C-alpha atoms as a PDB file:
ATOM      1  CA  MET A   1     135.770  95.512 118.387  1.00  0.00           C
ATOM      2  CA  ASN A   2     138.304  98.349 118.442  1.00  0.00           C
ATOM      3  CA  SER A   3     136.866 100.364 115.564  1.00  0.00           C
ATOM      4  CA  THR A   4     136.144 104.055 116.079  1.00  0.00           C
ATOM      5  CA  ARG A   5     132.575 104.612 117.238  1.00  0.00           C
ATOM      6  CA  ILE A   6     130.377 107.439 115.942  1.00  0.00           C
ATOM      7  CA  LYS A   7     127.176 108.531 117.663  1.00  0.00           C
ATOM      8  CA  VAL A   8     124.337 108.981 115.180  1.00  0.00           C
ATOM      9  CA  SER A   9     120.571 109.479 115.286  1.00  0.00           C
ATOM     10  CA  ASP A  10     117.930 106.759 115.437  1.00  0.00           C
ATOM     11  CA  GLU A  11     116.994 107.843 111.916  1.00  0.00           C
ATOM     12  CA  ILE A  12     120.440 107.032 110.517  1.00  0.00           C
ATOM     13  CA  ILE A  13     120.456 103.629 112.239  1.00  0.00           C
ATOM     14  CA  GLN A  14     117.036 102.887 110.747  1.00  0.00           C
ATOM     15  CA  GLU A  15     118.272 103.782 107.263  1.00  0.00           C
ATOM     16  CA  GLY A  16     121.169 101.373 107.717  1.00  0.00           C
ATOM     17  CA  LYS A  17     118.794  98.649 108.888  1.00  0.00           C
ATOM     18  CA  ASN A  18     116.623  99.214 105.814  1.00  0.00           C
ATOM     19  CA  VAL A  19     119.662  98.543 103.627  1.00  0.00           C
ATOM     20  CA  ILE A  20     120.533  95.412 105.604  1.00  0.00           C
ATOM     21  CA  ASP A  21     116.960  94.064 105.492  1.00  0.00           C
ATOM     22  CA  GLY A  22     116.768  94.544 101.716  1.00  0.00           C
ATOM     23  CA  VAL A  23     114.138  97.294 101.916  1.00  0.00           C
ATOM     24  CA  TYR A  24     116.532  99.541  99.966  1.00  0.00           C
ATOM     25  CA  TYR A  25     117.818  96.964  97.470  1.00  0.00           C
ATOM     26  CA  PRO A  26     120.026  97.327  95.394  1.00  0.00           C
ATOM     27  CA  LEU A  27     121.899  99.471  97.937  1.00  0.00           C
ATOM     28  CA  LYS A  28     124.622  97.872 100.040  1.00  0.00           C
ATOM     29  CA  GLY A  29     125.204 100.868 102.273  1.00  0.00           C
ATOM     30  CA  PHE A  30     125.324 104.643 102.453  1.00  0.00           C
ATOM     31  CA  LEU A  31     126.090 106.302  99.109  1.00  0.00           C
ATOM     32  CA  ASN A  32     129.616 107.191  98.078  1.00  0.00           C
ATOM     33  CA  GLU A  33     130.304 110.383  96.148  1.00  0.00           C
ATOM     34  CA  ALA A  34     129.982 108.874  92.656  1.00  0.00           C
ATOM     35  CA  ASP A  35     126.679 107.181  93.444  1.00  0.00           C
ATOM     36  CA  LEU A  36     125.273 110.284  95.151  1.00  0.00           C
ATOM     37  CA  LYS A  37     126.009 112.434  92.094  1.00  0.00           C
ATOM     38  CA  SER A  38     124.514 109.830  89.774  1.00  0.00           C
ATOM     39  CA  VAL A  39     121.370 109.422  91.899  1.00  0.00           C
ATOM     40  CA  LEU A  40     120.791 113.165  92.101  1.00  0.00           C
ATOM     41  CA  GLU A  41     121.307 113.811  88.388  1.00  0.00           C
ATOM     42  CA  THR A  42     119.966 110.621  86.730  1.00  0.00           C
ATOM     43  CA  MET A  43     117.907 108.789  89.398  1.00  0.00           C
ATOM     44  CA  ARG A  44     120.244 105.844  88.908  1.00  0.00           C
ATOM     45  CA  LEU A  45     123.251 104.453  90.707  1.00  0.00           C
ATOM     46  CA  SER A  46     126.578 104.683  88.899  1.00  0.00           C
ATOM     47  CA  ASN A  47     126.040 101.074  87.753  1.00  0.00           C
ATOM     48  CA  GLY A  48     122.846 102.150  85.941  1.00  0.00           C
ATOM     49  CA  LYS A  49     120.292 100.599  88.308  1.00  0.00           C
ATOM     50  CA  VAL A  50     117.268 102.801  89.041  1.00  0.00           C
ATOM     51  CA  TRP A  51     117.492 104.477  92.462  1.00  0.00           C
ATOM     52  CA  PRO A  52     116.260 108.062  93.040  1.00  0.00           C
ATOM     53  CA  MET A  53     116.839 108.730  96.747  1.00  0.00           C
ATOM     54  CA  PRO A  54     120.077 109.747  98.520  1.00  0.00           C
ATOM     55  CA  ILE A  55     120.619 107.386 101.454  1.00  0.00           C
ATOM     56  CA  ILE A  56     123.408 109.280 103.168  1.00  0.00           C
ATOM     57  CA  LEU A  57     125.271 109.568 106.455  1.00  0.00           C
ATOM     58  CA  ASP A  58     126.368 113.071 107.422  1.00  0.00           C
ATOM     59  CA  VAL A  59     129.061 114.024 109.960  1.00  0.00           C
ATOM     60  CA  ASN A  60     130.785 117.218 111.052  1.00  0.00           C
ATOM     61  CA  LYS A  61     134.369 118.142 110.121  1.00  0.00           C
ATOM     62  CA  GLU A  62     135.767 117.014 113.469  1.00  0.00           C
ATOM     63  CA  THR A  63     134.370 113.497 113.026  1.00  0.00           C
ATOM     64  CA  ALA A  64     135.424 113.380 109.377  1.00  0.00           C
ATOM     65  CA  ASP A  65     139.010 114.240 110.357  1.00  0.00           C
ATOM     66  CA  GLU A  66     138.968 111.679 113.177  1.00  0.00           C
ATOM     67  CA  ILE A  67     138.097 108.734 110.920  1.00  0.00           C
ATOM     68  CA  ARG A  68     139.940 109.878 107.788  1.00  0.00           C
ATOM     69  CA  ASP A  69     142.308 106.878 107.798  1.00  0.00           C
ATOM     70  CA  GLU A  70     139.931 104.267 109.194  1.00  0.00           C
ATOM     71  CA  LYS A  71     139.009 101.212 107.133  1.00  0.00           C
ATOM     72  CA  GLU A  72     136.002 100.422 109.316  1.00  0.00           C
ATOM     73  CA  VAL A  73     133.900 102.357 111.823  1.00  0.00           C
ATOM     74  CA  VAL A  74     130.922 101.619 114.062  1.00  0.00           C
ATOM     75  CA  ILE A  75     127.900 103.922 114.069  1.00  0.00           C
ATOM     76  CA  THR A  76     125.546 103.714 117.043  1.00  0.00           C
ATOM     77  CA  ASN A  77     122.492 105.388 118.529  1.00  0.00           C
ATOM     78  CA  GLY A  78     123.346 103.985 121.964  1.00  0.00           C
ATOM     79  CA  LYS A  79     121.045 100.994 121.485  1.00  0.00           C
ATOM     80  CA  GLU A  80     122.134  99.389 118.230  1.00  0.00           C
ATOM     81  CA  GLU A  81     125.379  99.269 116.275  1.00  0.00           C
ATOM     82  CA  ILE A  82     126.046  99.149 112.553  1.00  0.00           C
ATOM     83  CA  ILE A  83     129.485  98.327 111.183  1.00  0.00           C
ATOM     84  CA  LEU A  84     130.504 100.481 108.236  1.00  0.00           C
ATOM     85  CA  SER A  85     133.290  99.226 105.960  1.00  0.00           C
ATOM     86  CA  ASP A  86     134.802 100.233 102.626  1.00  0.00           C
ATOM     87  CA  ILE A  87     134.329 103.793 103.820  1.00  0.00           C
ATOM     88  CA  SER A  88     134.841 107.019 101.909  1.00  0.00           C
ATOM     89  CA  ILE A  89     134.549 110.544 103.300  1.00  0.00           C
ATOM     90  CA  TYR A  90     133.704 113.514 101.134  1.00  0.00           C
ATOM     91  CA  PRO A  91     132.407 117.099 101.344  1.00  0.00           C
ATOM     92  CA  TYR A  92     129.240 118.027  99.478  1.00  0.00           C
ATOM     93  CA  ASP A  93     127.281 121.082  98.397  1.00  0.00           C
ATOM     94  CA  LYS A  94     124.053 121.384 100.396  1.00  0.00           C
ATOM     95  CA  ASN A  95     122.380 123.666  97.856  1.00  0.00           C
ATOM     96  CA  TYR A  96     123.243 121.233  95.045  1.00  0.00           C
ATOM     97  CA  LEU A  97     121.783 118.357  97.083  1.00  0.00           C
ATOM     98  CA  ALA A  98     118.589 120.283  97.870  1.00  0.00           C
ATOM     99  CA  LYS A  99     118.071 121.579  94.326  1.00  0.00           C
ATOM    100  CA  ASN A 100     118.568 118.190  92.689  1.00  0.00           C
ATOM    101  CA  LEU A 101     116.462 116.265  95.179  1.00  0.00           C
ATOM    102  CA  PHE A 102     113.595 118.668  95.875  1.00  0.00           C
ATOM    103  CA  GLY A 103     113.751 120.973  92.857  1.00  0.00           C
ATOM    104  CA  THR A 104     114.152 123.957  95.182  1.00  0.00           C
ATOM    105  CA  GLU A 105     116.577 125.578  97.598  1.00  0.00           C
ATOM    106  CA  ASP A 106     113.760 127.277  99.498  1.00  0.00           C
ATOM    107  CA  ILE A 107     114.419 126.878 103.227  1.00  0.00           C
ATOM    108  CA  ASN A 108     110.654 126.755 103.834  1.00  0.00           C
ATOM    109  CA  HIS A 109     110.593 123.303 102.248  1.00  0.00           C
ATOM    110  CA  PRO A 110     110.975 120.874 105.207  1.00  0.00           C
ATOM    111  CA  GLY A 111     113.446 118.716 103.304  1.00  0.00           C
ATOM    112  CA  VAL A 112     115.642 121.688 102.386  1.00  0.00           C
ATOM    113  CA  GLU A 113     115.539 122.941 105.973  1.00  0.00           C
ATOM    114  CA  LYS A 114     116.738 119.530 107.156  1.00  0.00           C
ATOM    115  CA  ILE A 115     119.635 119.422 104.673  1.00  0.00           C
ATOM    116  CA  MET A 116     120.866 122.843 105.777  1.00  0.00           C
ATOM    117  CA  LYS A 117     121.184 121.522 109.343  1.00  0.00           C
ATOM    118  CA  MET A 118     123.263 118.495 108.324  1.00  0.00           C
ATOM    119  CA  GLY A 119     126.989 118.072 108.875  1.00  0.00           C
ATOM    120  CA  ASP A 120     129.377 119.258 106.169  1.00  0.00           C
ATOM    121  CA  TYR A 121     130.729 115.808 105.226  1.00  0.00           C
ATOM    122  CA  LEU A 122     129.199 112.543 104.084  1.00  0.00           C
ATOM    123  CA  ILE A 123     130.437 109.014 104.714  1.00  0.00           C
ATOM    124  CA  GLY A 124     129.835 106.292 102.159  1.00  0.00           C
ATOM    125  CA  GLY A 125     130.264 102.651 103.049  1.00  0.00           C
ATOM    126  CA  VAL A 126     128.910  99.104 103.119  1.00  0.00           C
ATOM    127  CA  VAL A 127     126.791  98.243 106.180  1.00  0.00           C
ATOM    128  CA  ARG A 128     126.415  95.102 108.261  1.00  0.00           C
ATOM    129  CA  MET A 129     124.955  94.365 111.673  1.00  0.00           C
ATOM    130  CA  ASP A 130     125.468  91.657 114.280  1.00  0.00           C
ATOM    131  CA  LYS A 131     122.266  92.212 116.304  1.00  0.00           C
ATOM    132  CA  LYS A 132     119.096  94.138 115.478  1.00  0.00           C
ATOM    133  CA  VAL A 133     116.211  95.400 117.573  1.00  0.00           C
ATOM    134  CA  LYS A 134     112.967  94.575 115.759  1.00  0.00           C
ATOM    135  CA  PRO A 135     110.859  97.738 115.273  1.00  0.00           C
ATOM    136  CA  HIS A 136     107.087  98.193 115.579  1.00  0.00           C
ATOM    137  CA  GLY A 137     104.986  95.035 115.913  1.00  0.00           C
ATOM    138  CA  LEU A 138     103.530  95.492 112.413  1.00  0.00           C
ATOM    139  CA  TYR A 139     106.952  95.612 110.741  1.00  0.00           C
ATOM    140  CA  LEU A 140     107.898  92.661 108.550  1.00  0.00           C
ATOM    141  CA  THR A 141     111.095  92.350 106.527  1.00  0.00           C
ATOM    142  CA  PRO A 142     110.741  91.978 102.755  1.00  0.00           C
ATOM    143  CA  ASP A 143     111.343  88.227 103.067  1.00  0.00           C
ATOM    144  CA  GLU A 144     108.649  87.966 105.748  1.00  0.00           C
ATOM    145  CA  VAL A 145     106.164  89.982 103.676  1.00  0.00           C
ATOM    146  CA  LYS A 146     106.804  87.786 100.637  1.00  0.00           C
ATOM    147  CA  GLU A 147     106.156  84.711 102.783  1.00  0.00           C
ATOM    148  CA  VAL A 148     102.748  86.117 103.813  1.00  0.00           C
ATOM    149  CA  PHE A 149     101.955  86.715 100.150  1.00  0.00           C
ATOM    150  CA  ARG A 150     102.904  83.109  99.345  1.00  0.00           C
ATOM    151  CA  LYS A 151     100.784  81.701 102.172  1.00  0.00           C
ATOM    152  CA  ASN A 152      97.823  83.826 101.044  1.00  0.00           C
ATOM    153  CA  LYS A 153      98.403  82.696  97.445  1.00  0.00           C
ATOM    154  CA  TRP A 154      98.621  86.313  96.321  1.00  0.00           C
ATOM    155  CA  ALA A 155     100.415  86.247  92.973  1.00  0.00           C
ATOM    156  CA  ASN A 156      99.609  89.902  92.290  1.00  0.00           C
ATOM    157  CA  VAL A 157      99.711  92.422  95.115  1.00  0.00           C
ATOM    158  CA  VAL A 158      99.138  96.167  94.976  1.00  0.00           C
ATOM    159  CA  ALA A 159     100.927  98.504  97.407  1.00  0.00           C
ATOM    160  CA  PHE A 160      99.498 101.626  98.957  1.00  0.00           C
ATOM    161  CA  GLN A 161     101.716 104.246 100.598  1.00  0.00           C
ATOM    162  CA  THR A 162     100.265 106.599 103.190  1.00  0.00           C
ATOM    163  CA  ARG A 163     101.046 109.015 106.000  1.00  0.00           C
ATOM    164  CA  ASN A 164      97.412 109.705 106.910  1.00  0.00           C
ATOM    165  CA  PRO A 165      94.456 107.827 108.365  1.00  0.00           C
ATOM    166  CA  PRO A 166      92.174 106.494 105.612  1.00  0.00           C
ATOM    167  CA  HIS A 167      89.514 108.761 104.190  1.00  0.00           C
ATOM    168  CA  ARG A 168      86.994 107.555 101.630  1.00  0.00           C
ATOM    169  CA  SER A 169      89.010 108.573  98.557  1.00  0.00           C
ATOM    170  CA  HIS A 170      91.955 106.422  99.666  1.00  0.00           C
ATOM    171  CA  GLU A 171      89.605 103.547 100.422  1.00  0.00           C
ATOM    172  CA  HIS A 172      88.105 103.944  96.943  1.00  0.00           C
ATOM    173  CA  LEU A 173      91.522 103.840  95.247  1.00  0.00           C
ATOM    174  CA  GLN A 174      92.535 100.757  97.209  1.00  0.00           C
ATOM    175  CA  LYS A 175      89.326  98.864  96.428  1.00  0.00           C
ATOM    176  CA  THR A 176      89.446  99.892  92.768  1.00  0.00           C
ATOM    177  CA  ALA A 177      92.949  98.432  92.521  1.00  0.00           C
ATOM    178  CA  LEU A 178      91.907  95.329  94.467  1.00  0.00           C
ATOM    179  CA  LYS A 179      89.478  94.373  91.690  1.00  0.00           C
ATOM    180  CA  ASN A 180      92.428  93.395  89.485  1.00  0.00           C
ATOM    181  CA  VAL A 181      94.848  91.836  91.985  1.00  0.00           C
ATOM    182  CA  ASP A 182      94.816  89.194  94.725  1.00  0.00           C
ATOM    183  CA  GLY A 183      95.585  91.409  97.697  1.00  0.00           C
ATOM    184  CA  ILE A 184      96.691  94.828  98.897  1.00  0.00           C
ATOM    185  CA  PHE A 185      99.686  95.713 101.070  1.00  0.00           C
ATOM    186  CA  ILE A 186      98.837  98.907 102.987  1.00  0.00           C
ATOM    187  CA  ASN A 187     102.230 100.203 104.037  1.00  0.00           C
ATOM    188  CA  PRO A 188     102.218 103.434 106.118  1.00  0.00           C
ATOM    189  CA  VAL A 189     105.454 105.339 106.678  1.00  0.00           C
ATOM    190  CA  ILE A 190     106.458 105.100 110.324  1.00  0.00           C
ATOM    191  CA  GLY A 191     109.040 107.600 111.508  1.00  0.00           C
ATOM    192  CA  PRO A 192     109.795 111.325 111.805  1.00  0.00           C
ATOM    193  CA  LYS A 193     107.320 113.617 110.059  1.00  0.00           C
ATOM    194  CA  LYS A 194     106.694 117.324 109.923  1.00  0.00           C
ATOM    195  CA  SER A 195     104.744 119.136 112.613  1.00  0.00           C
ATOM    196  CA  GLY A 196     100.996 118.705 112.168  1.00  0.00           C
ATOM    197  CA  ASP A 197     101.169 115.224 110.619  1.00  0.00           C
ATOM    198  CA  PHE A 198      99.309 112.361 112.286  1.00  0.00           C
ATOM    199  CA  HIS A 199     101.044 110.259 114.918  1.00  0.00           C
ATOM    200  CA  ASP A 200     102.042 106.847 113.614  1.00  0.00           C
ATOM    201  CA  ASP A 201      99.994 104.833 116.117  1.00  0.00           C
ATOM    202  CA  HIS A 202      96.778 106.543 115.073  1.00  0.00           C
ATOM    203  CA  ILE A 203      97.401 106.034 111.369  1.00  0.00           C
ATOM    204  CA  LEU A 204      97.764 102.334 112.096  1.00  0.00           C
ATOM    205  CA  GLY A 205      94.833 102.246 114.508  1.00  0.00           C
ATOM    206  CA  ALA A 206      92.527 103.890 111.992  1.00  0.00           C
ATOM    207  CA  TYR A 207      93.544 101.434 109.275  1.00  0.00           C
ATOM    208  CA  GLU A 208      93.008  98.469 111.571  1.00  0.00           C
ATOM    209  CA  VAL A 209      89.429  99.673 112.133  1.00  0.00           C
ATOM    210  CA  LEU A 210      88.812 100.186 108.409  1.00  0.00           C
ATOM    211  CA  ILE A 211      90.244  96.824 107.340  1.00  0.00           C
ATOM    212  CA  ASP A 212      88.317  94.974 110.030  1.00  0.00           C
ATOM    213  CA  LYS A 213      84.976  96.604 109.163  1.00  0.00           C
ATOM    214  CA  TYR A 214      85.087  97.269 105.423  1.00  0.00           C
ATOM    215  CA  TYR A 215      87.521  94.961 103.618  1.00  0.00           C
ATOM    216  CA  PRO A 216      86.916  91.401 102.406  1.00  0.00           C
ATOM    217  CA  GLU A 217      88.559  88.835 104.655  1.00  0.00           C
ATOM    218  CA  ASN A 218      92.204  88.062 103.805  1.00  0.00           C
ATOM    219  CA  SER A 219      92.341  90.771 101.144  1.00  0.00           C
ATOM    220  CA  ALA A 220      94.551  93.319 102.944  1.00  0.00           C
ATOM    221  CA  LEU A 221      97.855  93.177 104.827  1.00  0.00           C
ATOM    222  CA  LEU A 222      98.822  96.130 107.026  1.00  0.00           C
ATOM    223  CA  GLY A 223     102.556  96.493 107.541  1.00  0.00           C
ATOM    224  CA  THR A 224     104.898  99.354 108.383  1.00  0.00           C
ATOM    225  CA  PHE A 225     107.716 101.007 106.441  1.00  0.00           C
ATOM    226  CA  HIS A 226     110.196 102.585 108.854  1.00  0.00           C
ATOM    227  CA  THR A 227     111.785 105.708 107.446  1.00  0.00           C
ATOM    228  CA  HIS A 228     111.272 109.472 107.443  1.00  0.00           C
ATOM    229  CA  MET A 229     109.228 111.465 104.962  1.00  0.00           C
ATOM    230  CA  ARG A 230     111.411 113.530 102.637  1.00  0.00           C
ATOM    231  CA  TYR A 231     108.515 115.427 100.967  1.00  0.00           C
ATOM    232  CA  ALA A 232     110.405 115.072  97.690  1.00  0.00           C
ATOM    233  CA  GLY A 233     107.286 114.609  95.579  1.00  0.00           C
ATOM    234  CA  PRO A 234     107.990 112.842  92.266  1.00  0.00           C
ATOM    235  CA  LYS A 235     111.400 111.420  93.201  1.00  0.00           C
ATOM    236  CA  GLU A 236     110.006 110.129  96.467  1.00  0.00           C
ATOM    237  CA  ALA A 237     107.191 108.441  94.532  1.00  0.00           C
ATOM    238  CA  VAL A 238     109.778 106.440  92.559  1.00  0.00           C
ATOM    239  CA  PHE A 239     111.607 105.635  95.815  1.00  0.00           C
ATOM    240  CA  HIS A 240     108.370 104.431  97.413  1.00  0.00           C
ATOM    241  CA  ALA A 241     107.582 102.247  94.410  1.00  0.00           C
ATOM    242  CA  LEU A 242     110.992 100.561  94.463  1.00  0.00           C
ATOM    243  CA  VAL A 243     110.694  99.868  98.180  1.00  0.00           C
ATOM    244  CA  ARG A 244     107.306  98.186  97.643  1.00  0.00           C
ATOM    245  CA  ARG A 245     108.803  96.157  94.791  1.00  0.00           C
ATOM    246  CA  ASN A 246     111.382  94.973  97.304  1.00  0.00           C
ATOM    247  CA  PHE A 247     108.558  93.908  99.626  1.00  0.00           C
ATOM    248  CA  GLY A 248     107.249  91.720  96.801  1.00  0.00           C
ATOM    249  CA  CYS A 249     104.445  93.890  95.436  1.00  0.00           C
ATOM    250  CA  THR A 250     103.671  93.698  91.719  1.00  0.00           C
ATOM    251  CA  HIS A 251     101.689  96.967  91.520  1.00  0.00           C
ATOM    252  CA  MET A 252     101.798 100.364  93.225  1.00  0.00           C
ATOM    253  CA  ILE A 253      99.064 102.986  93.524  1.00  0.00           C
ATOM    254  CA  ILE A 254     100.217 106.529  92.786  1.00  0.00           C
ATOM    255  CA  GLY A 255      97.546 109.171  93.284  1.00  0.00           C
ATOM    256  CA  ARG A 256      97.562 112.952  93.309  1.00  0.00           C
ATOM    257  CA  ASP A 257     100.468 114.908  94.850  1.00  0.00           C
ATOM    258  CA  HIS A 258     102.238 111.823  96.171  1.00  0.00           C
ATOM    259  CA  ALA A 259     104.759 112.766  98.915  1.00  0.00           C
ATOM    260  CA  GLY A 260     104.230 116.438  98.166  1.00  0.00           C
ATOM    261  CA  VAL A 261     104.254 119.434 100.461  1.00  0.00           C
ATOM    262  CA  GLY A 262     102.967 122.960  99.921  1.00  0.00           C
ATOM    263  CA  ASP A 263     102.904 124.024  96.263  1.00  0.00           C
ATOM    264  CA  TYR A 264     106.348 122.737  95.297  1.00  0.00           C
ATOM    265  CA  TYR A 265     105.055 120.040  92.931  1.00  0.00           C
ATOM    266  CA  GLY A 266     102.267 119.772  90.374  1.00  0.00           C
ATOM    267  CA  THR A 267      99.216 117.661  91.203  1.00  0.00           C
ATOM    268  CA  TYR A 268     100.245 114.796  88.918  1.00  0.00           C
ATOM    269  CA  ASP A 269     104.050 115.285  88.732  1.00  0.00           C
ATOM    270  CA  ALA A 270     104.501 112.143  90.843  1.00  0.00           C
ATOM    271  CA  GLN A 271     102.677 110.135  88.179  1.00  0.00           C
ATOM    272  CA  ASN A 272     104.339 111.718  85.163  1.00  0.00           C
ATOM    273  CA  ILE A 273     107.856 110.966  86.421  1.00  0.00           C
ATOM    274  CA  PHE A 274     107.258 107.263  85.839  1.00  0.00           C
ATOM    275  CA  ASP A 275     106.978 107.900  82.092  1.00  0.00           C
ATOM    276  CA  GLY A 276     110.779 107.986  82.099  1.00  0.00           C
ATOM    277  CA  PHE A 277     111.068 104.341  83.173  1.00  0.00           C
ATOM    278  CA  THR A 278     109.902 100.986  81.852  1.00  0.00           C
ATOM    279  CA  ASN A 279     107.964  98.519  83.994  1.00  0.00           C
ATOM    280  CA  ASP A 280     110.801  96.023  83.520  1.00  0.00           C
ATOM    281  CA  GLU A 281     113.504  98.278  84.948  1.00  0.00           C
ATOM    282  CA  LEU A 282     111.280  99.377  87.833  1.00  0.00           C
ATOM    283  CA  GLY A 283     110.135  95.824  88.534  1.00  0.00           C
ATOM    284  CA  ILE A 284     106.677  97.071  89.513  1.00  0.00           C
ATOM    285  CA  LYS A 285     103.658  98.329  87.570  1.00  0.00           C
ATOM    286  CA  ILE A 286     102.383 101.814  88.451  1.00  0.00           C
ATOM    287  CA  LEU A 287      98.641 102.350  88.731  1.00  0.00           C
ATOM    288  CA  LYS A 288      97.860 106.026  88.149  1.00  0.00           C
ATOM    289  CA  TYR A 289      94.606 107.399  89.497  1.00  0.00           C
ATOM    290  CA  GLU A 290      93.023 110.824  89.174  1.00  0.00           C
ATOM    291  CA  ASN A 291      91.659 112.753  92.130  1.00  0.00           C
ATOM    292  CA  VAL A 292      88.713 111.074  93.850  1.00  0.00           C
ATOM    293  CA  SER A 293      85.841 112.927  95.514  1.00  0.00           C
ATOM    294  CA  PHE A 294      82.372 112.127  96.799  1.00  0.00           C
ATOM    295  CA  CYS A 295      79.630 113.001  94.316  1.00  0.00           C
ATOM    296  CA  LYS A 296      76.491 114.054  96.164  1.00  0.00           C
ATOM    297  CA  GLU A 297      74.351 113.302  93.103  1.00  0.00           C
ATOM    298  CA  CYS A 298      75.777 109.822  92.502  1.00  0.00           C
ATOM    299  CA  ARG A 299      76.010 109.185  96.264  1.00  0.00           C
ATOM    300  CA  ASP A 300      79.360 107.509  95.728  1.00  0.00           C
ATOM    301  CA  MET A 301      83.077 108.101  95.317  1.00  0.00           C
ATOM    302  CA  MET A 302      84.049 109.139  91.796  1.00  0.00           C
ATOM    303  CA  GLN A 303      87.314 109.863  90.021  1.00  0.00           C
ATOM    304  CA  GLU A 304      87.550 113.057  87.985  1.00  0.00           C
ATOM    305  CA  ASN A 305      85.604 112.732  84.711  1.00  0.00           C
ATOM    306  CA  GLU A 306      83.942 109.535  85.941  1.00  0.00           C
ATOM    307  CA  CYS A 307      80.566 111.260  86.116  1.00  0.00           C
ATOM    308  CA  ASP A 308      79.079 114.409  84.547  1.00  0.00           C
ATOM    309  CA  HIS A 309      78.267 116.270  87.763  1.00  0.00           C
ATOM    310  CA  GLY A 310      80.144 119.506  88.342  1.00  0.00           C
ATOM    311  CA  ASP A 311      82.429 120.533  91.150  1.00  0.00           C
ATOM    312  CA  GLU A 312      79.538 122.059  93.102  1.00  0.00           C
ATOM    313  CA  HIS A 313      78.191 118.530  93.620  1.00  0.00           C
ATOM    314  CA  ARG A 314      81.467 117.121  94.985  1.00  0.00           C
ATOM    315  CA  ILE A 315      82.993 116.822  98.446  1.00  0.00           C
ATOM    316  CA  HIS A 316      86.775 116.934  98.069  1.00  0.00           C
ATOM    317  CA  LEU A 317      88.770 114.892 100.549  1.00  0.00           C
ATOM    318  CA  SER A 318      92.368 115.154 101.698  1.00  0.00           C
ATOM    319  CA  GLY A 319      94.572 114.539 104.687  1.00  0.00           C
ATOM    320  CA  THR A 320      94.995 118.295 105.047  1.00  0.00           C
ATOM    321  CA  LYS A 321      91.223 118.877 105.236  1.00  0.00           C
ATOM    322  CA  LEU A 322      90.890 116.014 107.700  1.00  0.00           C
ATOM    323  CA  ARG A 323      93.517 117.565 109.987  1.00  0.00           C
ATOM    324  CA  GLU A 324      91.777 120.949 109.757  1.00  0.00           C
ATOM    325  CA  LYS A 325      88.377 119.499 110.688  1.00  0.00           C
ATOM    326  CA  LEU A 326      89.755 117.507 113.602  1.00  0.00           C
ATOM    327  CA  THR A 327      91.749 120.466 114.923  1.00  0.00           C
ATOM    328  CA  ALA A 328      88.698 122.770 114.705  1.00  0.00           C
ATOM    329  CA  ASN A 329      86.417 120.123 116.281  1.00  0.00           C
ATOM    330  CA  GLU A 330      84.211 120.243 113.191  1.00  0.00           C
ATOM    331  CA  ASP A 331      81.845 117.421 112.306  1.00  0.00           C
ATOM    332  CA  ILE A 332      83.290 114.979 109.782  1.00  0.00           C
ATOM    333  CA  PRO A 333      80.587 113.701 107.428  1.00  0.00           C
ATOM    334  CA  GLU A 334      80.404 110.006 106.591  1.00  0.00           C
ATOM    335  CA  GLU A 335      80.917 110.955 102.946  1.00  0.00           C
ATOM    336  CA  PHE A 336      84.413 111.966 104.052  1.00  0.00           C
ATOM    337  CA  MET A 337      85.336 108.995 106.225  1.00  0.00           C
ATOM    338  CA  ARG A 338      83.777 105.819 107.612  1.00  0.00           C
ATOM    339  CA  LYS A 339      81.962 106.480 110.874  1.00  0.00           C
ATOM    340  CA  GLU A 340      83.957 103.888 112.845  1.00  0.00           C
ATOM    341  CA  VAL A 341      87.209 105.526 111.731  1.00  0.00           C
ATOM    342  CA  ILE A 342      85.846 108.964 112.652  1.00  0.00           C
ATOM    343  CA  GLU A 343      84.931 107.638 116.093  1.00  0.00           C
ATOM    344  CA  TYR A 344      88.410 106.172 116.546  1.00  0.00           C
ATOM    345  CA  LEU A 345      90.092 109.479 115.682  1.00  0.00           C
ATOM    346  CA  ILE A 346      87.762 111.576 117.851  1.00  0.00           C
ATOM    347  CA  ASN A 347      88.375 109.231 120.789  1.00  0.00           C
ATOM    348  CA  ASN A 348      92.107 109.898 120.398  1.00  0.00           C
ATOM    349  CA  LYS A 349      91.973 113.567 119.384  1.00  0.00           C
ATOM    350  CA  ASP A 350      94.101 114.755 122.328  1.00  0.00           C
ATOM    351  CA  ASN A 351      97.143 112.998 120.873  1.00  0.00           C
ATOM    352  CA  LEU A 352      96.539 112.788 117.138  1.00  0.00           C
ATOM    353  CA  PHE A 353      99.247 115.041 115.724  1.00  0.00           C
ATOM    354  CA  VAL A 354     103.018 115.400 115.730  1.00  0.00           C
END
């Protein structure tokens, strides 16, 4: 092929592969200018279909000028190639992109910081691929995941998104949801994260331990979602729900501060955003849960307002607190996390974090 070739990051190639695999349905490629504006301002494509996340390909001015008259280009990371056709090249306002996606232009937000380092032009276009390298061994395409669901006779499946090893509150949410469905698809994000997050392999390893020891047989499927965290809070929650719909899930758990970072979003903003959509247009039902903590009086996990015992009787759990305890070599009580999972993490503590 004689098309102009553009060197891009592994991340960009992965985004293109997600479009091709159907993970990002209804997208057919990287967003053109009209669709980007519509997504940022309405959380819909210009054709009206719900889609809240910019899937974009940035380049510098030199590259933009080089391909200005091309009808087709090849993007590559040196290992894989994606063919981009029906291309359009356009400048964009980085502050506008940041403000409309993250609700802030604060450079301390990791997503804003990333946008400010991007090239000054975007390329829209339809993607296709002749040969793909299959990612992590736990990755299944949407069609492959749906086939597992069919074989397991799971008519109703709940999805759980995570970027942390499982503490007891997450386990409680998953098992609460499992009472009303046939199975759960635990679908960790695998890809670039901010400094201090857990390494992907140890998120997966911890879940494998938990599922093996504490879940009913054939009730849980662990599979990976290959992308990067945006830390876009509410809009990322909608994005994550649509992706899990594409994997064939009928329900999605949304807990507190989903895909949040710092204090940029309210505790339940990621739940409230779904009030603006119907289940039919999303294609997936959202299960909203309040914060879960361990009640020392009840000796069990409890959602807020589920028992009458005050905050002084509760152990509050979070990925942030887990990271702090592991980093400080503090004991992690079994009320916080299953002992086998604690043992797994401690055995790998020299290489736990990004």
